[in-house]
Amino acid sequence: MNSDISRVLERLESQSQLEKARKVDVPPEDRMLAITKETGELLNMILRLKNAKNVLEIGMSTGYSTIWCAEAILEEQGQIITIEQNPSKITRAEKNFEDAKVANNITIKQGTARDILSKLNQEYNEFFDFVLIDADKENVIEYFDSVLPMVSAGGVIITDNMLYPEKYKEHMAKYAKHIKKYQNVRTITSPIGNGEEITIKL
C-alpha cells in the first residue's frame, strides 16, 4: 500500500476510534460511522481476488471504506460509484480522496440512496463486480433488491452491521432472512468487524 493511502487511512482510523470512544464531541449527523479496519482489509482482499473493476458503494460517509476499495482496484484502473446524502461528509470525503490520490477513480452521487439507485437501475444491468451496502438499515432490504439486477454473475455484495450495533439487529435479521429467499445467490454472515453479510450472485 502506498504511503498516501496508508497515511489517510490511519488518520481516519484514529478519528473513528475517538468518535466511538466518545473522546471527541461530534454532532450525530457528522459522525463517521465507519467500517472497522478488519472489514476494510476484508473488502480489499475480496476486490483483489475478483480483479474487480466496477464498484458501487451505498453509504460513503467520509470515504474510509471507499479508500479501502479504491486501493484494491487502482492497478485494474477500476472505478467506484459511491452514494452519500450529507453535503458536509461529501466535502470531507473529497479532501480525503485527494489526499490519498484516488479521486480519479471515484464518482460521488449526492442524494438519497433510493433516488440514486432508481436512476442507476436505468443505466446499469449486470455491471457491478462488487457492492458495499452501508447506509440506513431501515431500508437495507430495498437497497439489496434494487442493486441485485445491477450485479454481474459472480459479483459480490457486502452488507455491514449484521451483528453490531445491537440497535440494528432486528433490521439485519429480517434482511438476512429476506436475501435467503433468492434462488440466484449464496450468502453467509461473517463475524468480522461489525458483522458482514457476504453474498455472491450466481
Protein backbone atom coordinates (compact mmCIF):
# COMPACT_ATOMS: atom_id res chain seq x y z
CA MET A 1 0.00 0.00 0.00
CA ASN A 2 1.41 3.37 -0.96
CA SER A 3 2.18 5.98 1.68
CA ASP A 4 -0.52 8.47 0.62
CA ILE A 5 -3.30 5.93 1.07
CA SER A 6 -1.93 4.43 4.28
CA ARG A 7 -1.48 7.89 5.81
CA VAL A 8 -5.10 8.87 5.13
CA LEU A 9 -6.46 5.53 6.32
CA GLU A 10 -4.52 5.79 9.57
CA ARG A 11 -5.79 9.32 10.15
CA LEU A 12 -9.39 8.26 9.57
CA GLU A 13 -8.99 5.18 11.77
CA SER A 14 -7.79 7.38 14.63
CA GLN A 15 -10.72 9.76 14.16
CA SER A 16 -13.19 6.88 14.08
CA GLN A 17 -11.78 5.38 17.27
CA LEU A 18 -12.00 8.72 19.05
CA GLU A 19 -15.61 9.12 17.97
CA LYS A 20 -16.60 5.60 19.03
CA ALA A 21 -14.94 6.13 22.43
CA ARG A 22 -16.76 9.49 22.72
CA LYS A 23 -13.41 11.23 23.24
CA VAL A 24 -14.36 13.93 20.76
CA ASP A 25 -17.64 15.83 20.58
CA VAL A 26 -19.08 15.37 17.10
CA PRO A 27 -22.73 16.07 16.16
CA PRO A 28 -24.58 12.82 15.29
CA GLU A 29 -25.04 13.85 11.66
CA ASP A 30 -21.28 14.37 11.22
CA ARG A 31 -20.03 11.15 12.83
CA MET A 32 -18.01 8.91 10.54
CA LEU A 33 -19.85 5.68 11.41
CA ALA A 34 -17.06 3.92 9.55
CA ILE A 35 -16.44 0.24 8.98
CA THR A 36 -13.71 -1.35 11.09
CA LYS A 37 -10.15 -1.76 9.84
CA GLU A 38 -10.69 -5.54 9.70
CA THR A 39 -13.68 -5.02 7.42
CA GLY A 40 -11.63 -2.70 5.23
CA GLU A 41 -9.00 -5.40 4.87
CA LEU A 42 -11.71 -7.94 4.01
CA LEU A 43 -13.20 -5.70 1.30
CA ASN A 44 -9.76 -5.04 -0.12
CA MET A 45 -8.93 -8.75 -0.25
CA ILE A 46 -12.19 -9.75 -1.94
CA LEU A 47 -11.80 -6.99 -4.53
CA ARG A 48 -8.29 -8.19 -5.31
CA LEU A 49 -9.35 -11.83 -5.54
CA LYS A 50 -12.06 -10.86 -8.02
CA ASN A 51 -9.88 -8.45 -10.01
CA ALA A 52 -12.90 -6.18 -9.67
CA LYS A 53 -13.20 -3.07 -11.83
CA ASN A 54 -16.72 -1.74 -11.27
CA VAL A 55 -17.71 -0.99 -7.68
CA LEU A 56 -20.86 0.51 -6.16
CA GLU A 57 -20.94 1.81 -2.58
CA ILE A 58 -24.20 2.73 -0.86
CA GLY A 59 -23.27 4.97 2.06
CA MET A 60 -19.92 6.74 1.64
CA SER A 61 -19.76 8.85 4.81
CA THR A 62 -16.29 10.47 4.84
CA GLY A 63 -14.78 7.91 2.49
CA TYR A 64 -12.88 5.49 4.72
CA SER A 65 -14.39 2.35 3.19
CA THR A 66 -14.22 3.94 -0.27
CA ILE A 67 -10.46 4.37 0.03
CA TRP A 68 -10.02 0.73 1.12
CA CYS A 69 -11.91 -0.28 -2.03
CA ALA A 70 -10.08 2.18 -4.29
CA GLU A 71 -6.68 0.90 -3.17
CA ALA A 72 -7.62 -2.59 -4.36
CA ILE A 73 -8.73 -1.56 -7.85
CA LEU A 74 -6.07 1.03 -8.75
CA GLU A 75 -3.96 -1.46 -10.69
CA GLU A 76 -7.03 -2.57 -12.66
CA GLN A 77 -7.90 1.10 -13.33
CA GLY A 78 -11.25 0.37 -11.72
CA GLN A 79 -13.98 2.84 -10.90
CA ILE A 80 -16.20 3.34 -7.85
CA ILE A 81 -19.62 4.97 -7.82
CA THR A 82 -20.45 5.96 -4.26
CA ILE A 83 -23.65 7.41 -2.81
CA GLU A 84 -23.91 9.94 0.01
CA GLN A 85 -26.60 12.43 1.05
CA ASN A 86 -24.78 14.55 3.65
CA PRO A 87 -23.05 17.57 1.98
CA SER A 88 -20.52 18.09 4.79
CA LYS A 89 -19.46 14.44 4.65
CA ILE A 90 -19.05 14.73 0.87
CA THR A 91 -16.76 17.73 1.33
CA ARG A 92 -14.65 15.82 3.86
CA ALA A 93 -14.57 12.72 1.66
CA GLU A 94 -13.44 14.70 -1.38
CA LYS A 95 -10.45 16.03 0.57
CA ASN A 96 -9.63 12.54 1.82
CA PHE A 97 -9.73 11.20 -1.75
CA GLU A 98 -7.45 13.98 -2.97
CA ASP A 99 -5.02 13.39 -0.10
CA ALA A 100 -4.97 9.65 -0.84
CA LYS A 101 -4.64 10.37 -4.59
CA VAL A 102 -7.58 8.15 -5.52
CA ALA A 103 -10.06 10.87 -6.54
CA ASN A 104 -9.81 9.99 -10.25
CA ASN A 105 -11.19 6.53 -9.52
CA ILE A 106 -14.25 7.71 -7.58
CA THR A 107 -17.54 9.28 -8.68
CA ILE A 108 -19.74 10.66 -5.89
CA LYS A 109 -23.51 10.70 -6.37
CA GLN A 110 -25.19 13.09 -3.94
CA GLY A 111 -28.73 12.30 -2.85
CA THR A 112 -30.79 9.64 -1.15
CA ALA A 113 -29.81 6.05 -1.86
CA ARG A 114 -33.37 5.29 -3.01
CA ASP A 115 -33.33 8.05 -5.67
CA ILE A 116 -29.80 7.38 -6.88
CA LEU A 117 -30.34 3.61 -7.13
CA SER A 118 -33.51 4.21 -9.15
CA LYS A 119 -31.51 6.27 -11.66
CA LEU A 120 -28.61 3.80 -11.76
CA ASN A 121 -31.04 0.96 -12.45
CA GLN A 122 -31.92 2.67 -15.73
CA GLU A 123 -28.25 2.81 -16.76
CA TYR A 124 -26.65 -0.38 -15.48
CA ASN A 125 -27.60 -4.04 -15.82
CA GLU A 126 -25.33 -6.82 -14.53
CA PHE A 127 -22.49 -4.28 -14.46
CA PHE A 128 -21.03 -4.10 -10.95
CA ASP A 129 -18.49 -6.69 -9.77
CA PHE A 130 -18.75 -5.58 -6.16
CA VAL A 131 -21.25 -3.69 -4.00
CA LEU A 132 -20.94 -2.43 -0.43
CA ILE A 133 -24.20 -1.64 1.39
CA ASP A 134 -23.58 0.52 4.46
CA ALA A 135 -26.42 3.02 4.58
CA ASP A 136 -29.54 3.41 6.76
CA LYS A 137 -30.56 -0.02 7.99
CA GLU A 138 -34.31 0.62 7.84
CA ASN A 139 -34.18 0.43 4.04
CA VAL A 140 -31.46 -2.20 3.60
CA ILE A 141 -33.85 -4.76 2.06
CA GLU A 142 -34.97 -2.22 -0.53
CA TYR A 143 -31.35 -1.39 -1.36
CA PHE A 144 -30.49 -5.05 -1.89
CA ASP A 145 -33.49 -5.63 -4.14
CA SER A 146 -32.59 -2.54 -6.17
CA VAL A 147 -28.95 -3.43 -6.57
CA LEU A 148 -29.14 -7.15 -7.32
CA PRO A 149 -30.11 -6.72 -11.02
CA MET A 150 -27.12 -4.40 -11.44
CA VAL A 151 -24.65 -7.01 -10.15
CA SER A 152 -22.88 -9.25 -12.65
CA ALA A 153 -22.91 -13.04 -12.31
CA GLY A 154 -20.21 -13.91 -9.79
CA GLY A 155 -20.44 -10.43 -8.30
CA VAL A 156 -20.22 -9.88 -4.54
CA ILE A 157 -22.46 -7.82 -2.26
CA ILE A 158 -21.14 -7.00 1.22
CA THR A 159 -23.54 -5.63 3.83
CA ASP A 160 -22.16 -4.09 7.03
CA ASN A 161 -23.55 -4.10 10.60
CA MET A 162 -25.12 -7.55 10.54
CA LEU A 163 -24.25 -8.19 14.21
CA TYR A 164 -23.45 -4.79 15.77
CA PRO A 165 -24.57 -2.30 16.98
CA GLU A 166 -27.35 -4.08 18.82
CA LYS A 167 -29.96 -1.49 17.79
CA TYR A 168 -29.78 -2.74 14.20
CA LYS A 169 -30.16 -6.44 14.98
CA GLU A 170 -33.89 -6.65 14.21
CA HIS A 171 -33.49 -4.94 10.82
CA MET A 172 -30.49 -7.04 9.89
CA ALA A 173 -32.13 -10.31 10.95
CA LYS A 174 -35.04 -9.52 8.61
CA TYR A 175 -32.53 -8.66 5.89
CA ALA A 176 -30.65 -11.95 6.28
CA LYS A 177 -33.91 -13.89 6.09
CA HIS A 178 -35.05 -11.90 3.05
CA ILE A 179 -31.99 -12.43 0.87
CA LYS A 180 -32.01 -16.17 1.53
CA LYS A 181 -35.29 -16.28 -0.45
CA TYR A 182 -33.39 -15.55 -3.65
CA GLN A 183 -32.51 -18.67 -5.64
CA ASN A 184 -29.69 -16.96 -7.53
CA VAL A 185 -27.49 -16.02 -4.56
CA ARG A 186 -25.38 -17.74 -1.91
CA THR A 187 -24.85 -15.85 1.32
CA ILE A 188 -23.13 -16.18 4.70
CA THR A 189 -22.77 -13.96 7.76
CA SER A 190 -19.18 -13.36 8.86
CA PRO A 191 -18.29 -12.13 12.39
CA ILE A 192 -15.54 -9.88 11.02
CA GLY A 193 -15.85 -6.28 12.18
CA ASN A 194 -19.45 -5.41 12.99
CA GLY A 195 -20.67 -8.47 11.12
CA GLU A 196 -20.59 -8.71 7.34
CA GLU A 197 -23.09 -10.46 5.08
CA ILE A 198 -21.14 -11.80 2.12
CA THR A 199 -23.45 -12.54 -0.79
CA ILE A 200 -22.47 -13.92 -4.19
CA LYS A 201 -24.76 -13.69 -7.21
CA LEU A 202 -24.74 -16.97 -9.10
